[in-house]
Structures are given as structure tokens and as C-alpha cells.
Amino acid sequence: MIIVGNALVSEDILEKKFECQISLCKGACCVQGDAGAPLDDEELHTIESEIENIKPFMAPEGLGLLAEKGFYEKDRDGDLVTSCRTSGECVFVVYDELGIAGCAVEKAYFSGQTGFRKPMSCHLYPIRAKKYGAYTALNYDHWSICSDACRVGENKKVPVYIFLKEALIRKMSRQWYEEFEAVAASWDQVKQNL
């Protein structure tokens, strides 16, 4: 782990390559997994206040689940996550004409109906962020459904932190990201000299 400001950053975020290939995985990260997308308390309140703006972009199955259970629940560890349909999809999943899973929250955002883009855990993926006291640990999540993203990222030489620049700035701040870029440049220099 590398300390940058108030973050503990996994070396994998510097070294692994990644470029999302949603046309190949079909948005599997919105459908598969042990539970829905992690949410924090602030996001919970934001989505609650914006849900009427998001509903027009939701699929009928998601609206049914929303009416029955709400948009969030606690997972087996007691953490807040988005509710999931029995078939695995997040409550906010909508499919396009090619069968690719997308996000109703993000569709509402890009349509100018909400200022909330999507849960941070989704925007930041494959990085997972977790608070430990005053620090935020940023770890790279290895998941086989992202093998195409890893292959393309490797071919294009796109580090995870560059692919996720916008999300990292949203999570940590522009100043933090600039400091992290300087650390990454030093890291690359050290690696080349080994």
C-alpha cells in the first residue's frame, strides 16, 4: 500500500491496466455478484431525494422491486447496498436494445434530470473504497467478468488510475488526484530503473 494524502492505495491501481469493455461483458457488474452496489449514508439520502427523477428511467421490474422493497437493503455484513431482483440485477438496471445493462440513475443524470451521477462504488469500479478511521483504502478488485477490460487495458497500456481519473477526482478531489499522478510518475520511474 502507498499512502497518498488520506488514502491507502493498492499498488495494483498503479500497475494493473484496465479499460471497460461494456459491449463485451454486457454490463455484468450490474447483474452479478453477492449483493447490490455499496452505498454510503449520504448517497442513500441523495437517491431518496432524487428517486422521483430517476423512476421514469427505470425498467418495470426495477419499479416493481422499488415498490416492494425500496432501492436499498443491508447485505449479509450489514452494509448498505442497492436492492437486487431475484435474477441478480440491481434495482436500477435497464437494458438497451443490444441487451447491455445500464443504469437508470446515470440515464437520469445524462438527461439532466438529476445532479447525482450514480453510486460512487459503480463509478469507481474496479476500485473499491473503504473507510478505516481517517483513511480511505483504495483497492483493485479482481473479477473474472472484467477479463476483456484487463486485456484491452493491457494492450492500450491504460493504468486503472488513468481510466478512472474522473471517478477518483469525484471521490478524493482534484488536488488529491494530482498528488497521486506525481506519485504514479515516480513509481513508474522507479520500476523502469529496477
Protein backbone atom coordinates (compact mmCIF):
# COMPACT_ATOMS: atom_id res chain seq x y z
CA MET A 1 0.00 0.00 0.00
CA ILE A 2 1.07 3.54 -0.76
CA ILE A 3 -0.07 6.50 1.34
CA VAL A 4 -1.23 9.50 -0.67
CA GLY A 5 -2.86 12.18 1.47
CA ASN A 6 -5.61 10.47 3.45
CA ALA A 7 -5.69 7.38 1.21
CA LEU A 8 -4.06 3.97 1.39
CA VAL A 9 -3.68 2.95 -2.24
CA SER A 10 -3.03 -0.56 -3.51
CA GLU A 11 -0.04 -0.86 -5.86
CA ASP A 12 -2.36 -2.68 -8.29
CA ILE A 13 -4.09 0.64 -9.02
CA LEU A 14 -0.76 1.89 -10.36
CA GLU A 15 0.31 -1.29 -12.10
CA LYS A 16 -2.81 -3.03 -13.44
CA LYS A 17 -4.25 -1.99 -16.78
CA PHE A 18 -7.97 -1.58 -17.43
CA GLU A 19 -10.39 -0.16 -19.97
CA CYS A 20 -14.05 -1.13 -19.54
CA GLN A 21 -15.49 -3.14 -22.44
CA ILE A 22 -19.21 -2.98 -21.72
CA SER A 23 -20.09 -4.16 -25.21
CA LEU A 24 -18.31 -7.45 -24.42
CA CYS A 25 -19.30 -8.04 -20.79
CA LYS A 26 -22.81 -6.60 -21.33
CA GLY A 27 -22.68 -4.75 -18.00
CA ALA A 28 -22.23 -7.93 -15.97
CA CYS A 29 -21.07 -6.00 -12.89
CA CYS A 30 -24.62 -4.58 -12.61
CA VAL A 31 -26.12 -8.08 -12.70
CA GLN A 32 -23.71 -10.49 -10.98
CA GLY A 33 -22.24 -10.53 -7.50
CA ASP A 34 -23.03 -11.30 -3.89
CA ALA A 35 -25.12 -8.17 -3.32
CA GLY A 36 -26.07 -4.85 -4.86
CA ALA A 37 -23.84 -1.81 -5.28
CA PRO A 38 -22.42 -0.49 -1.99
CA LEU A 39 -23.94 2.81 -0.84
CA ASP A 40 -22.92 5.26 1.85
CA ASP A 41 -25.34 7.21 4.05
CA GLU A 42 -25.00 10.39 2.00
CA GLU A 43 -25.80 8.55 -1.25
CA LEU A 44 -28.78 6.92 0.42
CA HIS A 45 -30.25 10.33 1.24
CA THR A 46 -29.39 11.74 -2.19
CA ILE A 47 -31.08 8.88 -4.04
CA GLU A 48 -34.11 9.14 -1.72
CA SER A 49 -34.46 12.82 -2.60
CA GLU A 50 -33.95 12.16 -6.34
CA ILE A 51 -35.95 8.93 -6.76
CA GLU A 52 -38.91 10.63 -8.46
CA ASN A 53 -36.49 11.99 -11.11
CA ILE A 54 -34.95 8.53 -11.57
CA LYS A 55 -38.16 6.47 -11.76
CA PRO A 56 -39.03 7.43 -15.37
CA PHE A 57 -35.74 5.82 -16.47
CA MET A 58 -36.24 2.56 -14.55
CA ALA A 59 -37.36 -0.78 -16.00
CA PRO A 60 -40.77 -2.17 -14.96
CA GLU A 61 -39.02 -4.92 -12.94
CA GLY A 62 -36.99 -2.31 -11.08
CA LEU A 63 -40.07 -0.23 -10.38
CA GLY A 64 -41.80 -3.33 -9.02
CA LEU A 65 -38.88 -4.06 -6.70
CA LEU A 66 -38.74 -0.40 -5.69
CA ALA A 67 -42.43 -0.51 -4.69
CA GLU A 68 -41.99 -3.81 -2.86
CA LYS A 69 -38.64 -3.40 -1.06
CA GLY A 70 -37.26 0.06 -1.77
CA PHE A 71 -34.00 0.78 -3.56
CA TYR A 72 -31.62 -0.34 -0.81
CA GLU A 73 -31.13 -3.09 1.74
CA LYS A 74 -28.42 -4.36 4.07
CA ASP A 75 -26.17 -7.15 2.85
CA ARG A 76 -25.04 -10.09 4.99
CA ASP A 77 -22.30 -7.91 6.54
CA GLY A 78 -24.80 -5.20 7.47
CA ASP A 79 -23.58 -2.76 4.79
CA LEU A 80 -25.98 -0.67 2.71
CA VAL A 81 -26.33 -1.86 -0.90
CA THR A 82 -28.80 -1.36 -3.73
CA SER A 83 -31.66 -3.86 -3.79
CA CYS A 84 -31.39 -6.66 -6.34
CA ARG A 85 -34.02 -8.54 -8.30
CA THR A 86 -34.23 -12.31 -7.79
CA SER A 87 -32.45 -12.67 -11.16
CA GLY A 88 -29.48 -10.69 -9.77
CA GLU A 89 -29.86 -7.28 -11.41
CA CYS A 90 -29.54 -4.11 -9.39
CA VAL A 91 -32.86 -2.34 -8.92
CA PHE A 92 -31.65 0.40 -11.28
CA VAL A 93 -30.62 -1.86 -14.18
CA VAL A 94 -32.12 -1.11 -17.58
CA TYR A 95 -31.21 -2.98 -20.75
CA ASP A 96 -30.64 -1.38 -24.12
CA GLU A 97 -31.61 -2.88 -27.48
CA LEU A 98 -28.35 -4.90 -27.55
CA GLY A 99 -29.03 -6.45 -24.14
CA ILE A 100 -26.38 -4.36 -22.38
CA ALA A 101 -27.16 -3.49 -18.76
CA GLY A 102 -27.11 0.20 -17.97
CA CYS A 103 -28.06 2.36 -15.00
CA ALA A 104 -31.34 4.29 -14.66
CA VAL A 105 -29.64 6.71 -12.26
CA GLU A 106 -26.96 7.50 -14.83
CA LYS A 107 -29.55 7.82 -17.61
CA ALA A 108 -31.42 10.37 -15.47
CA TYR A 109 -28.12 12.21 -14.87
CA PHE A 110 -27.20 12.39 -18.56
CA SER A 111 -30.75 13.52 -19.35
CA GLY A 112 -30.34 16.44 -16.94
CA GLN A 113 -32.97 15.14 -14.50
CA THR A 114 -30.62 14.74 -11.53
CA GLY A 115 -27.22 16.03 -10.45
CA PHE A 116 -26.31 12.63 -8.98
CA ARG A 117 -24.35 10.55 -11.50
CA LYS A 118 -24.58 7.07 -9.91
CA PRO A 119 -23.37 5.37 -6.74
CA MET A 120 -19.67 6.01 -6.18
CA SER A 121 -19.00 2.28 -5.91
CA CYS A 122 -20.24 1.87 -9.50
CA HIS A 123 -18.40 4.89 -10.89
CA LEU A 124 -15.16 3.85 -9.21
CA TYR A 125 -15.26 0.16 -10.19
CA PRO A 126 -12.92 -1.86 -10.33
CA ILE A 127 -11.58 0.17 -7.41
CA ARG A 128 -13.29 -0.45 -4.09
CA ALA A 129 -13.07 2.25 -1.40
CA LYS A 130 -13.45 1.57 2.30
CA LYS A 131 -13.02 3.90 5.28
CA TYR A 132 -10.60 2.98 8.06
CA GLY A 133 -10.64 5.77 10.62
CA ALA A 134 -9.24 8.90 8.97
CA TYR A 135 -8.05 6.93 5.92
CA THR A 136 -9.77 5.64 2.80
CA ALA A 137 -8.35 2.38 1.48
CA LEU A 138 -8.47 2.12 -2.32
CA ASN A 139 -8.09 -1.45 -3.57
CA TYR A 140 -8.27 -3.00 -7.01
CA ASP A 141 -11.00 -5.65 -7.22
CA HIS A 142 -10.02 -8.65 -9.37
CA TRP A 143 -13.11 -10.14 -11.02
CA SER A 144 -13.11 -12.52 -13.98
CA ILE A 145 -16.02 -10.74 -15.68
CA CYS A 146 -13.60 -7.88 -16.35
CA SER A 147 -11.05 -10.03 -18.21
CA ASP A 148 -11.77 -8.24 -21.52
CA ALA A 149 -11.30 -4.86 -19.82
CA CYS A 150 -7.96 -6.03 -18.44
CA ARG A 151 -6.83 -7.40 -21.82
CA VAL A 152 -7.75 -4.21 -23.70
CA GLY A 153 -6.24 -2.03 -20.96
CA GLU A 154 -3.03 -4.04 -21.17
CA ASN A 155 -2.91 -3.73 -24.98
CA LYS A 156 -3.51 0.02 -24.78
CA LYS A 157 -1.31 0.43 -21.69
CA VAL A 158 -4.05 2.25 -19.71
CA PRO A 159 -3.45 2.05 -15.94
CA VAL A 160 -6.51 1.67 -13.73
CA TYR A 161 -5.97 5.10 -12.15
CA ILE A 162 -5.97 6.83 -15.56
CA PHE A 163 -9.08 5.00 -16.75
CA LEU A 164 -10.81 6.04 -13.51
CA LYS A 165 -9.49 9.60 -13.33
CA GLU A 166 -12.94 11.23 -13.30
CA ALA A 167 -14.24 8.85 -10.62
CA LEU A 168 -11.12 9.25 -8.46
CA ILE A 169 -11.43 13.03 -8.65
CA ARG A 170 -15.10 12.76 -7.69
CA LYS A 171 -14.21 10.51 -4.73
CA MET A 172 -10.98 12.05 -3.48
CA SER A 173 -10.67 15.58 -5.07
CA ARG A 174 -8.74 17.04 -7.98
CA GLN A 175 -5.87 18.08 -5.68
CA TRP A 176 -5.56 14.53 -4.36
CA TYR A 177 -5.56 13.11 -7.89
CA GLU A 178 -2.79 15.49 -8.99
CA GLU A 179 -0.72 14.43 -6.00
CA PHE A 180 -1.42 10.79 -6.88
CA GLU A 181 -0.34 11.38 -10.51
CA ALA A 182 3.01 12.68 -9.22
CA VAL A 183 3.39 9.54 -7.08
CA ALA A 184 2.49 7.39 -10.11
CA ALA A 185 5.14 9.11 -12.25
CA SER A 186 7.76 8.45 -9.55
CA TRP A 187 6.54 4.86 -9.25
CA ASP A 188 6.95 4.32 -13.00
CA GLN A 189 10.45 5.83 -12.88
CA VAL A 190 11.49 3.52 -10.04
CA LYS A 191 10.07 0.48 -11.87
CA GLN A 192 11.99 1.35 -15.05
CA ASN A 193 15.24 1.59 -13.10
CA LEU A 194 14.90 -1.85 -11.48
